[in-house]
Amino acid sequence: MNYQVLLTEMFTATLMSLQIFFFTLIVSLPLGLLVALGRMSKLKIVNLPVRFYILIMRGTPLMLQLLFMFYALKPLLGIQLDRVLAAEVAFALNYAAYFAEIYRGGLESIPNGQREAAKVLGYTKSQAFFHIVLPQVIKRITPPMGNEFITLVKDTSLAQVIGVVELLKVTSQWVSSAVDMTPLVIAGLFYLVMNGIVTRAFTVLENRLGYYQ
């Protein structure tokens, strides 16, 4: 087995995994907040479609959503996304639904009394949200967000079902061709390093937010 070639291909495939990871976060974090606000809306014309979207995204496998995004859009809408974009869109829509529920849980955990007290003190709604509510929400949602980030790192491996050449796909190809389990061990180390970085980043964030004071 040529380990230099193996490592080169695995590094390249890891970059694709990271591309999917960061694209998903860049799109799904703000989208999730919008979905959460829609989910909390008292207007049924807003609330009901958003609840249906969350139900579909959380109630069906991400693998199925990947397959739908790549194979079903063409016959249904005449739109054919390339493999990578289809994967990124599917991941972003899926994770936005999960982030939305985390946002909603954080927002609804803040007592209304705090908003009323802020109003009495002369704060506007936006000032109360950004100076009083939001800091508490961030602190409360950081642990579950960290779990989702770690899950996302591992879920990027699902992109191989529509032919995206990411880390696990390259690993599988080498294992099947060389009949050697070494690539699996190396891939495991790659995922451990990536999740180790994510875990460390959230540990630092939690320390700054005062979790361990």
C-alpha atoms as a PDB file:
ATOM      1  CA  MET A   1       0.000   0.000   0.000  1.00  0.00           C
ATOM      2  CA  ASN A   2       1.323   3.425  -0.989  1.00  0.00           C
ATOM      3  CA  TYR A   3       0.755   5.422   2.197  1.00  0.00           C
ATOM      4  CA  GLN A   4       1.864   8.698   0.657  1.00  0.00           C
ATOM      5  CA  VAL A   5      -0.846   8.457  -2.001  1.00  0.00           C
ATOM      6  CA  LEU A   6      -3.352   7.272   0.598  1.00  0.00           C
ATOM      7  CA  LEU A   7      -2.691  10.211   2.909  1.00  0.00           C
ATOM      8  CA  THR A   8      -2.767  12.687   0.022  1.00  0.00           C
ATOM      9  CA  GLU A   9      -6.162  11.432  -1.121  1.00  0.00           C
ATOM     10  CA  MET A  10      -7.481  11.385   2.436  1.00  0.00           C
ATOM     11  CA  PHE A  11      -6.338  14.956   3.081  1.00  0.00           C
ATOM     12  CA  THR A  12      -8.036  16.082  -0.130  1.00  0.00           C
ATOM     13  CA  ALA A  13     -11.217  14.223   0.803  1.00  0.00           C
ATOM     14  CA  THR A  14     -11.088  15.750   4.288  1.00  0.00           C
ATOM     15  CA  LEU A  15     -11.115  19.206   2.710  1.00  0.00           C
ATOM     16  CA  MET A  16     -14.368  18.244   0.984  1.00  0.00           C
ATOM     17  CA  SER A  17     -15.800  17.068   4.323  1.00  0.00           C
ATOM     18  CA  LEU A  18     -14.791  20.387   5.868  1.00  0.00           C
ATOM     19  CA  GLN A  19     -16.329  22.296   2.965  1.00  0.00           C
ATOM     20  CA  ILE A  20     -19.669  20.594   3.598  1.00  0.00           C
ATOM     21  CA  PHE A  21     -19.262  21.198   7.347  1.00  0.00           C
ATOM     22  CA  PHE A  22     -18.628  24.939   7.077  1.00  0.00           C
ATOM     23  CA  PHE A  23     -21.200  25.525   4.334  1.00  0.00           C
ATOM     24  CA  THR A  24     -23.812  23.828   6.509  1.00  0.00           C
ATOM     25  CA  LEU A  25     -22.996  26.019   9.498  1.00  0.00           C
ATOM     26  CA  ILE A  26     -22.858  29.267   7.521  1.00  0.00           C
ATOM     27  CA  VAL A  27     -26.319  28.628   6.061  1.00  0.00           C
ATOM     28  CA  SER A  28     -28.111  26.653   8.762  1.00  0.00           C
ATOM     29  CA  LEU A  29     -27.228  28.791  11.810  1.00  0.00           C
ATOM     30  CA  PRO A  30     -28.981  31.983  10.591  1.00  0.00           C
ATOM     31  CA  LEU A  31     -31.665  29.985   8.770  1.00  0.00           C
ATOM     32  CA  GLY A  32     -32.348  28.040  11.955  1.00  0.00           C
ATOM     33  CA  LEU A  33     -32.936  31.284  13.853  1.00  0.00           C
ATOM     34  CA  LEU A  34     -35.456  32.441  11.229  1.00  0.00           C
ATOM     35  CA  VAL A  35     -37.186  29.048  11.392  1.00  0.00           C
ATOM     36  CA  ALA A  36     -37.289  29.251  15.200  1.00  0.00           C
ATOM     37  CA  LEU A  37     -38.933  32.667  15.052  1.00  0.00           C
ATOM     38  CA  GLY A  38     -41.432  31.339  12.525  1.00  0.00           C
ATOM     39  CA  ARG A  39     -42.112  28.339  14.762  1.00  0.00           C
ATOM     40  CA  MET A  40     -42.818  30.700  17.690  1.00  0.00           C
ATOM     41  CA  SER A  41     -45.064  32.972  15.619  1.00  0.00           C
ATOM     42  CA  LYS A  42     -48.721  33.128  16.599  1.00  0.00           C
ATOM     43  CA  LEU A  43     -49.729  33.497  12.961  1.00  0.00           C
ATOM     44  CA  LYS A  44     -50.872  30.107  11.671  1.00  0.00           C
ATOM     45  CA  ILE A  45     -49.990  31.021   8.100  1.00  0.00           C
ATOM     46  CA  VAL A  46     -46.372  31.218   9.290  1.00  0.00           C
ATOM     47  CA  ASN A  47     -46.363  28.713  12.111  1.00  0.00           C
ATOM     48  CA  LEU A  48     -47.960  25.739  10.358  1.00  0.00           C
ATOM     49  CA  PRO A  49     -45.658  25.583   7.289  1.00  0.00           C
ATOM     50  CA  VAL A  50     -42.617  25.992   9.546  1.00  0.00           C
ATOM     51  CA  ARG A  51     -43.786  23.180  11.829  1.00  0.00           C
ATOM     52  CA  PHE A  52     -44.334  20.960   8.796  1.00  0.00           C
ATOM     53  CA  TYR A  53     -40.822  21.756   7.528  1.00  0.00           C
ATOM     54  CA  ILE A  54     -39.311  20.859  10.915  1.00  0.00           C
ATOM     55  CA  LEU A  55     -41.342  17.642  11.015  1.00  0.00           C
ATOM     56  CA  ILE A  56     -40.096  16.571   7.574  1.00  0.00           C
ATOM     57  CA  MET A  57     -36.452  17.463   8.239  1.00  0.00           C
ATOM     58  CA  ARG A  58     -36.311  15.806  11.659  1.00  0.00           C
ATOM     59  CA  GLY A  59     -38.660  12.937  10.875  1.00  0.00           C
ATOM     60  CA  THR A  60     -36.914  11.541   7.797  1.00  0.00           C
ATOM     61  CA  PRO A  61     -33.325  10.225   7.467  1.00  0.00           C
ATOM     62  CA  LEU A  62     -30.677  12.671   6.280  1.00  0.00           C
ATOM     63  CA  MET A  63     -29.563  10.012   3.786  1.00  0.00           C
ATOM     64  CA  LEU A  64     -33.039  10.047   2.218  1.00  0.00           C
ATOM     65  CA  GLN A  65     -32.934  13.847   2.000  1.00  0.00           C
ATOM     66  CA  LEU A  66     -29.569  13.669   0.238  1.00  0.00           C
ATOM     67  CA  LEU A  67     -30.937  11.202  -2.303  1.00  0.00           C
ATOM     68  CA  PHE A  68     -34.043  13.344  -2.823  1.00  0.00           C
ATOM     69  CA  MET A  69     -32.017  16.532  -3.315  1.00  0.00           C
ATOM     70  CA  PHE A  70     -29.795  14.964  -5.966  1.00  0.00           C
ATOM     71  CA  TYR A  71     -32.141  12.566  -7.790  1.00  0.00           C
ATOM     72  CA  ALA A  72     -35.695  13.901  -7.318  1.00  0.00           C
ATOM     73  CA  LEU A  73     -35.403  17.599  -8.136  1.00  0.00           C
ATOM     74  CA  LYS A  74     -34.782  16.955 -11.832  1.00  0.00           C
ATOM     75  CA  PRO A  75     -37.983  14.978 -12.539  1.00  0.00           C
ATOM     76  CA  LEU A  76     -40.057  17.119 -10.166  1.00  0.00           C
ATOM     77  CA  LEU A  77     -38.835  20.658 -10.881  1.00  0.00           C
ATOM     78  CA  GLY A  78     -36.411  20.300 -13.762  1.00  0.00           C
ATOM     79  CA  ILE A  79     -33.507  21.353 -11.516  1.00  0.00           C
ATOM     80  CA  GLN A  80     -30.311  19.309 -11.454  1.00  0.00           C
ATOM     81  CA  LEU A  81     -27.844  20.245  -8.729  1.00  0.00           C
ATOM     82  CA  ASP A  82     -24.303  18.949  -8.884  1.00  0.00           C
ATOM     83  CA  ARG A  83     -23.368  16.390  -6.253  1.00  0.00           C
ATOM     84  CA  VAL A  84     -21.539  18.703  -3.882  1.00  0.00           C
ATOM     85  CA  LEU A  85     -24.151  21.465  -3.975  1.00  0.00           C
ATOM     86  CA  ALA A  86     -26.949  18.925  -3.507  1.00  0.00           C
ATOM     87  CA  ALA A  87     -25.162  17.579  -0.434  1.00  0.00           C
ATOM     88  CA  GLU A  88     -24.562  21.061   0.983  1.00  0.00           C
ATOM     89  CA  VAL A  89     -28.174  22.143   0.493  1.00  0.00           C
ATOM     90  CA  ALA A  90     -29.529  18.941   2.027  1.00  0.00           C
ATOM     91  CA  PHE A  91     -27.247  19.268   5.045  1.00  0.00           C
ATOM     92  CA  ALA A  92     -28.082  22.953   5.525  1.00  0.00           C
ATOM     93  CA  LEU A  93     -31.850  22.381   5.391  1.00  0.00           C
ATOM     94  CA  ASN A  94     -31.612  19.400   7.730  1.00  0.00           C
ATOM     95  CA  TYR A  95     -29.465  21.071  10.357  1.00  0.00           C
ATOM     96  CA  ALA A  96     -31.444  24.317  10.220  1.00  0.00           C
ATOM     97  CA  ALA A  97     -34.432  22.377  11.570  1.00  0.00           C
ATOM     98  CA  TYR A  98     -32.402  20.999  14.478  1.00  0.00           C
ATOM     99  CA  PHE A  99     -30.809  24.360  15.244  1.00  0.00           C
ATOM    100  CA  ALA A 100     -34.262  25.962  15.127  1.00  0.00           C
ATOM    101  CA  GLU A 101     -35.512  23.755  17.924  1.00  0.00           C
ATOM    102  CA  ILE A 102     -32.405  24.505  19.981  1.00  0.00           C
ATOM    103  CA  TYR A 103     -32.900  28.245  19.438  1.00  0.00           C
ATOM    104  CA  ARG A 104     -36.580  27.942  20.333  1.00  0.00           C
ATOM    105  CA  GLY A 105     -35.796  26.056  23.521  1.00  0.00           C
ATOM    106  CA  GLY A 106     -33.281  28.712  24.519  1.00  0.00           C
ATOM    107  CA  LEU A 107     -35.601  31.627  23.752  1.00  0.00           C
ATOM    108  CA  GLU A 108     -38.589  30.093  25.529  1.00  0.00           C
ATOM    109  CA  SER A 109     -36.500  29.283  28.606  1.00  0.00           C
ATOM    110  CA  ILE A 110     -36.076  32.993  29.392  1.00  0.00           C
ATOM    111  CA  PRO A 111     -38.876  34.144  31.731  1.00  0.00           C
ATOM    112  CA  ASN A 112     -41.149  36.862  30.368  1.00  0.00           C
ATOM    113  CA  GLY A 113     -40.618  38.713  33.615  1.00  0.00           C
ATOM    114  CA  GLN A 114     -37.146  39.685  32.450  1.00  0.00           C
ATOM    115  CA  ARG A 115     -38.534  41.342  29.339  1.00  0.00           C
ATOM    116  CA  GLU A 116     -41.157  43.147  31.400  1.00  0.00           C
ATOM    117  CA  ALA A 117     -38.508  44.329  33.854  1.00  0.00           C
ATOM    118  CA  ALA A 118     -36.396  45.608  30.971  1.00  0.00           C
ATOM    119  CA  LYS A 119     -39.406  47.523  29.637  1.00  0.00           C
ATOM    120  CA  VAL A 120     -39.925  49.137  33.039  1.00  0.00           C
ATOM    121  CA  LEU A 121     -36.270  50.174  33.058  1.00  0.00           C
ATOM    122  CA  GLY A 122     -36.739  51.921  29.716  1.00  0.00           C
ATOM    123  CA  TYR A 123     -35.232  49.348  27.357  1.00  0.00           C
ATOM    124  CA  THR A 124     -36.692  49.026  23.889  1.00  0.00           C
ATOM    125  CA  LYS A 125     -37.602  45.536  22.670  1.00  0.00           C
ATOM    126  CA  SER A 126     -34.430  45.291  20.597  1.00  0.00           C
ATOM    127  CA  GLN A 127     -32.256  46.537  23.469  1.00  0.00           C
ATOM    128  CA  ALA A 128     -33.844  44.055  25.850  1.00  0.00           C
ATOM    129  CA  PHE A 129     -33.292  41.243  23.377  1.00  0.00           C
ATOM    130  CA  PHE A 130     -29.640  41.982  22.593  1.00  0.00           C
ATOM    131  CA  HIS A 131     -28.520  43.056  26.073  1.00  0.00           C
ATOM    132  CA  ILE A 132     -30.586  40.816  28.352  1.00  0.00           C
ATOM    133  CA  VAL A 133     -32.193  37.897  26.507  1.00  0.00           C
ATOM    134  CA  LEU A 134     -29.594  36.995  23.878  1.00  0.00           C
ATOM    135  CA  PRO A 135     -26.591  36.591  26.242  1.00  0.00           C
ATOM    136  CA  GLN A 136     -28.586  34.145  28.368  1.00  0.00           C
ATOM    137  CA  VAL A 137     -29.842  32.265  25.318  1.00  0.00           C
ATOM    138  CA  ILE A 138     -26.306  31.865  23.954  1.00  0.00           C
ATOM    139  CA  LYS A 139     -25.124  30.462  27.264  1.00  0.00           C
ATOM    140  CA  ARG A 140     -27.998  27.972  27.451  1.00  0.00           C
ATOM    141  CA  ILE A 141     -27.801  26.712  23.873  1.00  0.00           C
ATOM    142  CA  THR A 142     -24.019  26.327  23.694  1.00  0.00           C
ATOM    143  CA  PRO A 143     -23.881  22.697  24.999  1.00  0.00           C
ATOM    144  CA  PRO A 144     -26.567  21.323  22.630  1.00  0.00           C
ATOM    145  CA  MET A 145     -25.065  23.301  19.764  1.00  0.00           C
ATOM    146  CA  GLY A 146     -21.710  21.696  20.508  1.00  0.00           C
ATOM    147  CA  ASN A 147     -23.303  18.262  20.268  1.00  0.00           C
ATOM    148  CA  GLU A 148     -24.818  19.123  16.878  1.00  0.00           C
ATOM    149  CA  PHE A 149     -21.479  20.411  15.569  1.00  0.00           C
ATOM    150  CA  ILE A 150     -19.808  17.135  16.556  1.00  0.00           C
ATOM    151  CA  THR A 151     -22.605  15.138  14.944  1.00  0.00           C
ATOM    152  CA  LEU A 152     -22.267  17.205  11.773  1.00  0.00           C
ATOM    153  CA  VAL A 153     -18.578  16.331  11.456  1.00  0.00           C
ATOM    154  CA  LYS A 154     -19.490  12.645  11.422  1.00  0.00           C
ATOM    155  CA  ASP A 155     -22.612  13.094   9.283  1.00  0.00           C
ATOM    156  CA  THR A 156     -20.554  14.528   6.419  1.00  0.00           C
ATOM    157  CA  SER A 157     -19.674  10.896   5.673  1.00  0.00           C
ATOM    158  CA  LEU A 158     -23.254  10.413   4.433  1.00  0.00           C
ATOM    159  CA  ALA A 159     -22.511  12.578   1.393  1.00  0.00           C
ATOM    160  CA  GLN A 160     -20.914   9.541  -0.231  1.00  0.00           C
ATOM    161  CA  VAL A 161     -24.389   8.111  -0.980  1.00  0.00           C
ATOM    162  CA  ILE A 162     -24.711  10.585  -3.869  1.00  0.00           C
ATOM    163  CA  GLY A 163     -21.129  10.133  -5.025  1.00  0.00           C
ATOM    164  CA  VAL A 164     -19.414  13.015  -3.202  1.00  0.00           C
ATOM    165  CA  VAL A 165     -15.764  12.113  -2.708  1.00  0.00           C
ATOM    166  CA  GLU A 166     -15.363  12.850   1.001  1.00  0.00           C
ATOM    167  CA  LEU A 167     -13.195  11.182   3.626  1.00  0.00           C
ATOM    168  CA  LEU A 168     -15.168   7.978   4.217  1.00  0.00           C
ATOM    169  CA  LYS A 169     -15.711   7.328   0.502  1.00  0.00           C
ATOM    170  CA  VAL A 170     -11.969   7.482  -0.178  1.00  0.00           C
ATOM    171  CA  THR A 171     -11.372   5.267   2.845  1.00  0.00           C
ATOM    172  CA  SER A 172     -13.878   2.689   1.626  1.00  0.00           C
ATOM    173  CA  GLN A 173     -12.287   2.611  -1.818  1.00  0.00           C
ATOM    174  CA  TRP A 174      -8.841   1.963  -0.367  1.00  0.00           C
ATOM    175  CA  VAL A 175     -10.100  -0.717   2.014  1.00  0.00           C
ATOM    176  CA  SER A 176     -11.909  -2.575  -0.774  1.00  0.00           C
ATOM    177  CA  SER A 177      -9.007  -2.338  -3.230  1.00  0.00           C
ATOM    178  CA  ALA A 178      -6.152  -3.099  -0.828  1.00  0.00           C
ATOM    179  CA  VAL A 179      -8.065  -5.428   1.518  1.00  0.00           C
ATOM    180  CA  ASP A 180      -6.368  -3.629   4.400  1.00  0.00           C
ATOM    181  CA  MET A 181      -7.997  -2.119   7.474  1.00  0.00           C
ATOM    182  CA  THR A 182      -5.293   0.532   7.977  1.00  0.00           C
ATOM    183  CA  PRO A 183      -7.242   3.252   6.075  1.00  0.00           C
ATOM    184  CA  LEU A 184     -10.145   2.800   8.500  1.00  0.00           C
ATOM    185  CA  VAL A 185      -7.836   3.466  11.441  1.00  0.00           C
ATOM    186  CA  ILE A 186      -6.396   6.544   9.745  1.00  0.00           C
ATOM    187  CA  ALA A 187      -9.880   7.836   8.878  1.00  0.00           C
ATOM    188  CA  GLY A 188     -10.909   7.349  12.495  1.00  0.00           C
ATOM    189  CA  LEU A 189      -7.945   9.483  13.559  1.00  0.00           C
ATOM    190  CA  PHE A 190      -8.951  12.180  11.071  1.00  0.00           C
ATOM    191  CA  TYR A 191     -12.484  12.318  12.512  1.00  0.00           C
ATOM    192  CA  LEU A 192     -11.134  12.297  16.071  1.00  0.00           C
ATOM    193  CA  VAL A 193      -8.858  15.239  15.316  1.00  0.00           C
ATOM    194  CA  MET A 194     -11.676  17.237  13.729  1.00  0.00           C
ATOM    195  CA  ASN A 195     -14.057  16.551  16.587  1.00  0.00           C
ATOM    196  CA  GLY A 196     -11.283  17.203  19.078  1.00  0.00           C
ATOM    197  CA  ILE A 197     -10.885  20.699  17.620  1.00  0.00           C
ATOM    198  CA  VAL A 198     -14.648  21.283  17.761  1.00  0.00           C
ATOM    199  CA  THR A 199     -14.814  20.025  21.347  1.00  0.00           C
ATOM    200  CA  ARG A 200     -11.895  22.219  22.384  1.00  0.00           C
ATOM    201  CA  ALA A 201     -13.462  25.277  20.751  1.00  0.00           C
ATOM    202  CA  PHE A 202     -16.725  24.761  22.641  1.00  0.00           C
ATOM    203  CA  THR A 203     -14.873  24.101  25.903  1.00  0.00           C
ATOM    204  CA  VAL A 204     -13.126  27.458  25.547  1.00  0.00           C
ATOM    205  CA  LEU A 205     -16.448  29.126  24.714  1.00  0.00           C
ATOM    206  CA  GLU A 206     -18.179  27.550  27.700  1.00  0.00           C
ATOM    207  CA  ASN A 207     -15.364  28.679  29.993  1.00  0.00           C
ATOM    208  CA  ARG A 208     -15.718  32.227  28.734  1.00  0.00           C
ATOM    209  CA  LEU A 209     -19.460  32.104  29.255  1.00  0.00           C
ATOM    210  CA  GLY A 210     -18.904  31.062  32.853  1.00  0.00           C
ATOM    211  CA  TYR A 211     -19.970  27.421  32.906  1.00  0.00           C
ATOM    212  CA  TYR A 212     -17.097  26.360  35.130  1.00  0.00           C
ATOM    213  CA  GLN A 213     -16.670  29.440  37.315  1.00  0.00           C
END
